[in-house]
Protein backbone atom coordinates (compact mmCIF):
# COMPACT_ATOMS: atom_id res chain seq x y z
CA MET A 1 0.00 0.00 0.00
CA GLY A 2 1.43 3.36 -1.02
CA ASN A 3 1.41 6.64 0.89
CA ARG A 4 -1.52 7.82 -1.19
CA ASP A 5 -3.71 4.96 0.09
CA LEU A 6 -2.56 5.55 3.67
CA ASN A 7 -3.51 9.24 3.50
CA LYS A 8 -6.98 8.36 2.20
CA ARG A 9 -7.53 6.01 5.12
CA ASP A 10 -5.83 8.18 7.74
CA PRO A 11 -6.15 11.93 7.15
CA ALA A 12 -4.13 12.59 10.33
CA HIS A 13 -1.00 10.96 8.85
CA LYS A 14 0.31 14.14 7.21
CA LEU A 15 -0.29 16.24 10.34
CA VAL A 16 1.41 13.68 12.59
CA THR A 17 4.45 13.68 10.28
CA VAL A 18 4.65 17.49 10.53
CA LEU A 19 4.24 17.43 14.32
CA ALA A 20 7.15 15.00 14.65
CA ALA A 21 9.30 17.18 12.36
CA CYS A 22 8.42 20.25 14.48
CA LEU A 23 9.59 18.42 17.62
CA TRP A 24 6.19 17.98 19.28
CA GLN A 25 6.44 15.21 21.86
CA PRO A 26 4.11 12.23 21.39
CA LEU A 27 2.34 11.41 24.65
CA SER A 28 0.29 8.63 23.08
CA GLU A 29 -0.91 7.64 19.62
CA ARG A 30 -3.28 10.63 19.51
CA LEU A 31 -1.80 13.16 21.97
CA TRP A 32 1.09 15.49 21.13
CA GLN A 33 2.60 18.13 23.39
CA LYS A 34 4.79 21.21 22.99
CA GLY A 35 5.20 23.43 26.04
CA PRO A 36 1.79 24.21 27.56
CA LEU A 37 -0.04 23.05 24.42
CA THR A 38 -1.48 19.60 23.78
CA LEU A 39 -3.00 18.50 20.47
CA TYR A 40 -5.44 15.61 20.31
CA VAL A 41 -5.32 14.24 16.75
CA ASP A 42 -7.78 11.66 15.45
CA GLU A 43 -9.28 10.64 12.10
CA ILE A 44 -11.86 13.46 12.26
CA GLY A 45 -9.65 16.41 13.18
CA ILE A 46 -7.76 18.04 16.02
CA PHE A 47 -8.50 19.60 19.39
CA LEU A 48 -6.06 22.07 20.92
CA TYR A 49 -5.69 22.16 24.70
CA ARG A 50 -3.82 24.89 26.55
CA HIS A 51 -3.02 24.32 30.23
CA GLY A 52 -5.52 21.44 30.21
CA ALA A 53 -8.48 23.41 28.81
CA ARG A 54 -9.79 22.80 25.29
CA THR A 55 -9.51 26.03 23.32
CA HIS A 56 -9.90 25.14 19.63
CA GLY A 57 -10.98 22.36 17.31
CA LEU A 58 -10.70 21.87 13.57
CA SER A 59 -11.50 19.10 11.10
CA HIS A 60 -8.71 17.79 8.85
CA ASN A 61 -10.32 19.09 5.67
CA ARG A 62 -9.94 22.66 7.02
CA ILE A 63 -6.19 22.36 7.76
CA ARG A 64 -4.48 24.05 4.82
CA ASP A 65 -1.08 25.53 5.78
CA LEU A 66 0.91 22.44 6.77
CA LYS A 67 3.66 23.28 4.27
CA ARG A 68 4.12 26.54 6.17
CA ARG A 69 3.70 24.56 9.41
CA MET A 70 0.77 26.69 10.50
CA ILE A 71 -2.80 25.85 11.50
CA ARG A 72 -5.39 28.62 11.14
CA PHE A 73 -8.50 28.17 13.25
CA ARG A 74 -11.95 29.45 12.36
CA ASP A 75 -11.74 32.35 14.84
CA GLY A 76 -8.66 33.71 13.03
CA LYS A 77 -6.10 32.48 15.55
CA THR A 78 -3.02 30.79 14.10
CA LEU A 79 -0.94 28.03 15.67
CA ASP A 80 2.71 28.02 14.59
CA LEU A 81 3.69 24.34 14.76
CA GLU A 82 7.42 25.20 14.81
CA THR A 83 7.30 27.43 17.89
CA GLY A 84 4.05 26.34 19.54
CA GLU A 85 2.86 29.96 19.65
CA ILE A 86 -0.73 31.05 19.09
CA ALA A 87 -1.32 34.46 17.51
């Protein structure tokens, strides 16, 4: 099975690859942490937690800036995956 088939079955695959490259620490198969931020990643989308409180959520089909290593949420906030900063 090629990467193309894997991405169709698991839309989180590309994001997980970027998180690892940006030095996010895997806490489990679905949880990734960088500083005070934790991302829960599943086959539907992501949930961002800051200091234990859920602050944002986004489905995979709305994540567009992975090449720039950025995630833009619907409220206009942007998560820089390299630094872990939210602006």
